[in-house]
N, C-alpha and C. Protein backbone atom coordinates (compact mmCIF):
# COMPACT_ATOMS: atom_id res chain seq x y z
N MET A 1 -7.71 -0.01 9.34
CA MET A 1 -9.32 -0.42 9.69
C MET A 1 -9.28 -0.31 11.00
N LEU A 2 -10.25 0.29 11.51
CA LEU A 2 -10.78 0.44 13.17
C LEU A 2 -11.70 -0.25 13.14
N ILE A 3 -11.99 -1.27 14.07
CA ILE A 3 -13.18 -2.61 13.96
C ILE A 3 -13.37 -2.40 15.72
N ASN A 4 -15.12 -1.98 15.46
CA ASN A 4 -15.16 -2.05 17.11
C ASN A 4 -14.96 -3.65 17.70
N SER A 5 -14.94 -3.78 18.56
CA SER A 5 -14.72 -5.32 19.20
C SER A 5 -14.96 -4.93 20.83
N LYS A 6 -15.19 -6.27 21.59
CA LYS A 6 -15.31 -5.71 23.34
C LYS A 6 -14.40 -5.24 23.99
N VAL A 7 -13.13 -4.74 23.35
CA VAL A 7 -12.28 -3.93 24.19
C VAL A 7 -11.43 -2.92 23.24
N GLY A 8 -12.89 -2.44 22.74
CA GLY A 8 -12.95 -1.34 21.84
C GLY A 8 -12.55 -1.11 20.60
N HIS A 9 -12.30 -0.25 19.97
CA HIS A 9 -11.82 0.06 18.78
C HIS A 9 -10.32 -0.28 18.07
N LEU A 10 -10.20 -1.54 17.74
CA LEU A 10 -9.17 -1.99 17.50
C LEU A 10 -8.63 -1.84 15.65
N TYR A 11 -7.27 -1.14 15.44
CA TYR A 11 -7.15 -1.27 14.54
C TYR A 11 -6.31 -2.09 13.80
N SER A 12 -6.80 -2.67 12.46
CA SER A 12 -5.91 -3.56 11.76
C SER A 12 -5.55 -3.15 10.19
N ARG A 13 -4.81 -3.94 9.83
CA ARG A 13 -4.51 -3.78 8.18
C ARG A 13 -4.55 -5.04 8.03
N TYR A 14 -4.83 -5.15 6.68
CA TYR A 14 -5.38 -7.04 5.70
C TYR A 14 -4.50 -6.71 4.43
N LYS A 15 -4.22 -7.57 4.01
CA LYS A 15 -4.24 -7.89 2.64
C LYS A 15 -4.97 -9.71 2.14
N SER A 16 -5.29 -9.76 1.06
CA SER A 16 -6.23 -10.38 0.99
C SER A 16 -4.63 -11.57 -0.15
N GLY A 17 -5.17 -12.76 0.50
CA GLY A 17 -4.08 -13.65 -0.42
C GLY A 17 -4.89 -14.97 -0.14
N ASP A 18 -4.12 -16.06 -0.95
CA ASP A 18 -4.66 -17.75 -0.87
C ASP A 18 -4.39 -18.12 0.51
N SER A 19 -3.51 -17.40 1.35
CA SER A 19 -3.44 -18.17 2.69
C SER A 19 -3.21 -16.70 3.47
N ILE A 20 -3.42 -16.19 4.60
CA ILE A 20 -3.29 -15.16 5.45
C ILE A 20 -2.16 -15.57 6.78
N VAL A 21 -1.18 -14.59 6.80
CA VAL A 21 -0.38 -14.69 7.77
C VAL A 21 -0.87 -13.90 8.83
N ILE A 22 -1.18 -14.07 9.86
CA ILE A 22 -1.70 -13.21 11.22
C ILE A 22 -0.67 -13.20 12.05
N PHE A 23 -0.45 -12.25 11.85
CA PHE A 23 1.03 -11.41 12.91
C PHE A 23 0.52 -10.79 14.19
N LEU A 24 0.99 -11.47 15.14
CA LEU A 24 0.65 -10.81 16.55
C LEU A 24 1.78 -10.74 17.18
N SER A 25 1.33 -9.28 17.50
CA SER A 25 3.17 -9.29 18.72
C SER A 25 2.72 -9.19 19.52
N GLY A 26 3.95 -8.59 20.59
CA GLY A 26 4.17 -8.68 21.99
C GLY A 26 3.26 -7.33 22.24
N TYR A 27 3.01 -7.23 23.16
CA TYR A 27 2.64 -5.89 23.80
C TYR A 27 3.11 -4.24 23.25
N GLY A 28 2.89 -3.71 23.23
CA GLY A 28 4.22 -2.38 22.93
C GLY A 28 3.06 -1.09 22.47
N ASP A 29 4.05 0.04 22.47
CA ASP A 29 3.29 1.30 21.87
C ASP A 29 3.42 1.08 20.15
N PHE A 30 4.13 0.26 19.94
CA PHE A 30 4.31 0.48 18.31
C PHE A 30 3.31 -0.37 17.56
N PRO A 31 2.73 0.10 16.42
CA PRO A 31 1.88 -0.48 15.78
C PRO A 31 2.27 -2.21 15.04
N SER A 32 1.70 -2.90 15.42
CA SER A 32 2.05 -4.39 14.69
C SER A 32 2.49 -4.53 13.34
N TYR A 33 1.93 -3.81 12.38
CA TYR A 33 2.32 -3.85 11.27
C TYR A 33 3.92 -3.20 11.03
N GLU A 34 3.99 -2.85 11.80
CA GLU A 34 5.65 -1.77 11.87
C GLU A 34 6.13 -2.45 12.41
N ASN A 35 5.95 -3.31 13.70
CA ASN A 35 6.77 -4.29 14.18
C ASN A 35 7.12 -5.46 13.22
N PHE A 36 6.43 -6.18 12.47
CA PHE A 36 6.46 -6.95 11.31
C PHE A 36 6.73 -6.79 10.07
N LEU A 37 6.76 -5.10 9.64
CA LEU A 37 7.23 -4.47 8.37
C LEU A 37 8.38 -5.84 7.65
N PRO A 38 9.26 -5.98 8.51
CA PRO A 38 10.42 -6.64 7.34
C PRO A 38 10.20 -8.27 7.30
N LEU A 39 8.95 -8.69 7.55
CA LEU A 39 9.05 -10.49 7.15
C LEU A 39 7.64 -9.82 6.23
N ILE A 40 7.00 -8.84 6.45
CA ILE A 40 5.54 -8.68 5.32
C ILE A 40 6.05 -8.30 4.63
N SER A 41 7.20 -7.55 4.34
CA SER A 41 7.71 -7.22 3.29
C SER A 41 8.45 -8.19 2.04
N ARG A 42 9.01 -9.23 2.87
CA ARG A 42 9.05 -10.58 2.08
C ARG A 42 8.31 -11.78 1.98
N LEU A 43 7.23 -11.49 2.33
CA LEU A 43 6.28 -12.63 1.67
C LEU A 43 5.82 -12.88 -0.14
N ASP A 44 5.54 -14.26 -0.43
CA ASP A 44 5.31 -14.06 -1.89
C ASP A 44 4.36 -13.66 -1.94
N SER A 45 4.06 -13.00 -3.12
CA SER A 45 2.29 -12.52 -3.68
C SER A 45 1.24 -13.48 -3.39
N ASN A 46 1.83 -14.84 -3.07
CA ASN A 46 0.15 -15.38 -3.01
C ASN A 46 -0.16 -15.78 -1.37
N PHE A 47 0.34 -14.79 -0.22
CA PHE A 47 0.13 -14.89 0.67
C PHE A 47 -0.11 -13.19 1.03
N GLY A 48 -1.37 -13.17 1.52
CA GLY A 48 -2.20 -11.73 2.31
C GLY A 48 -1.38 -11.81 3.87
N TYR A 49 -2.03 -10.92 4.73
CA TYR A 49 -1.59 -10.60 6.42
C TYR A 49 -2.68 -10.04 6.62
N LEU A 50 -2.75 -10.19 8.23
CA LEU A 50 -3.52 -9.49 9.02
C LEU A 50 -2.86 -8.65 10.36
N THR A 51 -2.88 -7.82 10.38
CA THR A 51 -2.26 -7.21 11.66
C THR A 51 -3.40 -6.82 12.58
N ILE A 52 -2.87 -6.97 13.94
CA ILE A 52 -3.89 -6.32 14.72
C ILE A 52 -3.28 -5.51 15.84
N ASP A 53 -3.25 -4.29 16.18
CA ASP A 53 -2.90 -3.80 17.61
C ASP A 53 -3.92 -3.52 18.30
N TYR A 54 -3.09 -3.96 19.85
CA TYR A 54 -3.43 -4.09 20.93
C TYR A 54 -4.73 -2.76 21.19
N PRO A 55 -5.49 -2.85 21.90
CA PRO A 55 -6.03 -1.40 22.94
C PRO A 55 -5.07 -0.48 23.34
N ASN A 56 -5.11 0.24 23.10
CA ASN A 56 -4.42 1.57 23.70
C ASN A 56 -2.93 1.23 23.02
N SER A 57 -2.58 0.97 22.20
CA SER A 57 -1.68 0.96 21.71
C SER A 57 -1.47 0.71 19.98
N GLY A 58 -0.50 1.12 19.52
CA GLY A 58 -0.38 1.32 17.54
C GLY A 58 -1.51 2.62 17.47
N GLU A 59 -2.51 2.24 16.24
CA GLU A 59 -3.54 3.08 16.12
C GLU A 59 -4.73 2.59 16.33
N SER A 60 -4.79 1.57 17.67
CA SER A 60 -6.04 1.55 18.00
C SER A 60 -6.34 3.00 19.07
N SER A 61 -7.74 2.71 19.42
CA SER A 61 -8.36 3.81 19.84
C SER A 61 -8.02 3.47 21.78
N THR A 62 -7.60 4.56 22.57
CA THR A 62 -7.62 4.47 23.84
C THR A 62 -8.86 4.20 24.27
N ARG A 63 -9.12 3.19 25.20
CA ARG A 63 -10.00 2.49 26.14
C ARG A 63 -9.98 1.93 27.50
N ASN A 64 -10.27 2.51 28.44
CA ASN A 64 -10.16 2.09 29.96
C ASN A 64 -10.20 0.49 29.46
N GLN A 65 -9.36 -0.20 30.22
CA GLN A 65 -9.34 -1.89 30.11
C GLN A 65 -9.81 -2.62 31.26
N VAL A 66 -10.11 -1.44 32.46
CA VAL A 66 -10.59 -2.26 33.65
C VAL A 66 -11.73 -3.33 33.73
N GLY A 67 -11.50 -4.13 33.95
CA GLY A 67 -12.46 -5.82 34.16
C GLY A 67 -12.23 -6.37 32.98
N LEU A 68 -11.82 -6.17 31.83
CA LEU A 68 -11.13 -7.02 30.94
C LEU A 68 -9.89 -7.66 30.65
N GLY A 69 -10.08 -8.72 30.64
CA GLY A 69 -9.30 -10.11 30.41
C GLY A 69 -8.77 -10.56 29.19
N LEU A 70 -8.08 -11.92 29.61
CA LEU A 70 -7.26 -12.21 28.11
C LEU A 70 -8.39 -12.77 27.46
N SER A 71 -9.38 -13.41 27.93
CA SER A 71 -10.88 -14.08 26.86
C SER A 71 -11.11 -13.03 26.26
N ASP A 72 -11.20 -11.52 26.80
CA ASP A 72 -12.00 -10.67 26.59
C ASP A 72 -11.23 -10.36 24.99
N LEU A 73 -9.58 -9.97 25.27
CA LEU A 73 -8.43 -9.98 24.01
C LEU A 73 -8.84 -10.69 22.66
N VAL A 74 -9.17 -11.88 23.01
CA VAL A 74 -9.32 -13.23 22.17
C VAL A 74 -10.43 -13.39 21.51
N GLU A 75 -11.72 -12.72 22.01
CA GLU A 75 -12.83 -12.67 21.52
C GLU A 75 -12.73 -11.51 20.74
N SER A 76 -12.52 -10.65 21.40
CA SER A 76 -11.87 -9.51 20.25
C SER A 76 -10.93 -9.65 18.94
N PHE A 77 -9.94 -10.70 19.32
CA PHE A 77 -8.94 -10.58 18.02
C PHE A 77 -9.99 -11.55 17.12
N MET A 78 -11.20 -12.50 17.44
CA MET A 78 -11.62 -13.53 16.71
C MET A 78 -12.94 -12.50 15.70
N THR A 79 -13.06 -11.71 16.53
CA THR A 79 -14.20 -10.32 15.57
C THR A 79 -13.43 -10.10 14.36
N ILE A 80 -12.01 -9.58 14.39
CA ILE A 80 -11.51 -9.04 13.74
C ILE A 80 -10.94 -10.39 12.45
N VAL A 81 -10.65 -11.40 12.96
CA VAL A 81 -10.25 -12.51 11.91
C VAL A 81 -11.62 -12.87 11.46
N ASN A 82 -12.75 -12.76 11.83
CA ASN A 82 -14.19 -12.94 11.07
C ASN A 82 -14.55 -11.93 10.17
N PHE A 83 -14.25 -10.89 10.64
CA PHE A 83 -14.48 -9.55 9.95
C PHE A 83 -14.29 -9.72 8.58
N TYR A 84 -12.80 -10.19 8.28
CA TYR A 84 -11.90 -10.22 7.20
C TYR A 84 -12.45 -11.68 6.50
N ASN A 85 -12.89 -12.45 7.03
CA ASN A 85 -13.31 -13.93 6.35
C ASN A 85 -12.06 -14.65 6.83
N VAL A 86 -11.29 -14.42 7.22
CA VAL A 86 -10.18 -15.70 7.00
C VAL A 86 -10.25 -16.79 7.07
N LYS A 87 -10.12 -17.74 5.89
CA LYS A 87 -10.12 -19.32 6.43
C LYS A 87 -8.94 -19.98 6.47
N ASP A 88 -7.78 -19.38 5.24
CA ASP A 88 -6.26 -20.44 5.59
C ASP A 88 -5.38 -19.29 6.37
N TYR A 89 -4.93 -19.82 7.20
CA TYR A 89 -4.29 -19.02 7.83
C TYR A 89 -2.96 -19.50 8.42
N ILE A 90 -1.74 -18.88 8.47
CA ILE A 90 -0.83 -18.76 9.59
C ILE A 90 -0.68 -17.83 10.51
N ILE A 91 -0.49 -18.40 11.59
CA ILE A 91 -0.12 -17.80 12.82
C ILE A 91 1.38 -17.56 13.01
N CYS A 92 1.62 -16.08 12.69
CA CYS A 92 3.03 -16.21 13.29
C CYS A 92 2.90 -14.83 14.67
N ALA A 93 3.67 -15.19 15.80
CA ALA A 93 3.60 -14.58 17.24
C ALA A 93 4.53 -14.05 18.11
N HIS A 94 4.92 -13.37 18.69
CA HIS A 94 6.26 -12.73 19.18
C HIS A 94 5.65 -12.53 21.15
N SER A 95 5.93 -13.27 22.07
CA SER A 95 5.55 -12.73 23.04
C SER A 95 4.56 -12.77 23.62
N MET A 96 3.18 -12.13 24.12
CA MET A 96 2.43 -12.06 24.53
C MET A 96 1.29 -12.48 23.30
N GLY A 97 1.65 -12.55 22.33
CA GLY A 97 1.21 -12.58 20.53
C GLY A 97 0.93 -13.97 20.77
N GLY A 98 2.18 -14.83 21.67
CA GLY A 98 2.36 -16.36 21.43
C GLY A 98 1.24 -16.87 22.48
N VAL A 99 0.92 -16.01 23.60
CA VAL A 99 -0.38 -16.37 24.38
C VAL A 99 -1.66 -16.18 23.66
N ILE A 100 -1.88 -15.78 23.06
CA ILE A 100 -2.86 -15.36 22.51
C ILE A 100 -3.49 -15.97 21.59
N ALA A 101 -2.52 -16.47 20.35
CA ALA A 101 -1.87 -17.42 19.52
C ALA A 101 -2.90 -18.46 19.90
N SER A 102 -2.13 -19.18 20.88
CA SER A 102 -2.52 -20.43 21.59
C SER A 102 -4.14 -20.67 21.77
N ARG A 103 -4.40 -19.42 22.32
CA ARG A 103 -6.06 -19.36 22.53
C ARG A 103 -6.53 -19.69 21.42
N LEU A 104 -6.27 -18.66 20.20
CA LEU A 104 -6.96 -18.62 19.31
C LEU A 104 -7.18 -19.83 18.54
N VAL A 105 -6.24 -20.47 18.16
CA VAL A 105 -6.64 -21.50 17.17
C VAL A 105 -7.75 -22.40 17.90
N ASN A 106 -8.43 -22.38 19.18
CA ASN A 106 -8.99 -23.07 19.65
C ASN A 106 -10.27 -22.84 19.33
N HIS A 107 -10.65 -21.22 19.06
CA HIS A 107 -11.64 -20.64 18.18
C HIS A 107 -11.54 -20.66 16.50
N LEU A 108 -9.88 -20.93 16.25
CA LEU A 108 -10.19 -20.67 14.58
C LEU A 108 -10.07 -22.38 14.08
N SER A 109 -10.69 -23.38 14.81
CA SER A 109 -10.78 -24.78 14.82
C SER A 109 -11.46 -25.12 13.37
N GLY A 110 -12.98 -24.38 13.21
CA GLY A 110 -13.00 -24.84 11.89
C GLY A 110 -12.23 -24.00 10.31
N LYS A 111 -11.32 -23.41 10.67
CA LYS A 111 -10.76 -22.66 9.31
C LYS A 111 -9.73 -23.89 9.06
N ASN A 112 -8.78 -23.63 7.92
CA ASN A 112 -7.63 -24.20 7.78
C ASN A 112 -6.22 -23.77 7.83
N ARG A 113 -6.13 -24.38 8.70
CA ARG A 113 -4.31 -23.89 9.71
C ARG A 113 -3.24 -24.64 8.26
N LYS A 114 -2.61 -23.96 8.15
CA LYS A 114 -1.82 -23.86 7.63
C LYS A 114 -0.20 -24.19 8.29
N GLY A 115 -0.35 -23.52 9.45
CA GLY A 115 1.20 -23.83 10.60
C GLY A 115 0.94 -22.94 11.61
N LEU A 116 1.87 -22.56 12.43
CA LEU A 116 1.77 -22.18 13.40
C LEU A 116 3.04 -22.00 13.94
N LEU A 117 3.84 -20.85 14.29
CA LEU A 117 5.27 -20.26 14.41
C LEU A 117 5.39 -19.57 15.31
């Protein structure tokens, strides 16, 4: 689903569950869902997932990012997390996704974090 955010329309995939694994990939052209599919396919049925494609990559729309920075990207990812009303979560991050995860947890403090990978 494309969700409008500060950095443009970001594509996300979501499946509900008791706890949601938020998968944050590094920058690249491939959709985050495809990057993490080997892990997603092994999740127990009580786990859901959320993947978010970066601007201008995966299935997200193309938009000029001049003047936008990391804080804008984190704010945009929070828009998506809030859209899906994620309460209990685990973050699985790689590369640039780890940088974003370290900032997201400050905004997710009111939610129930089960782990940070």
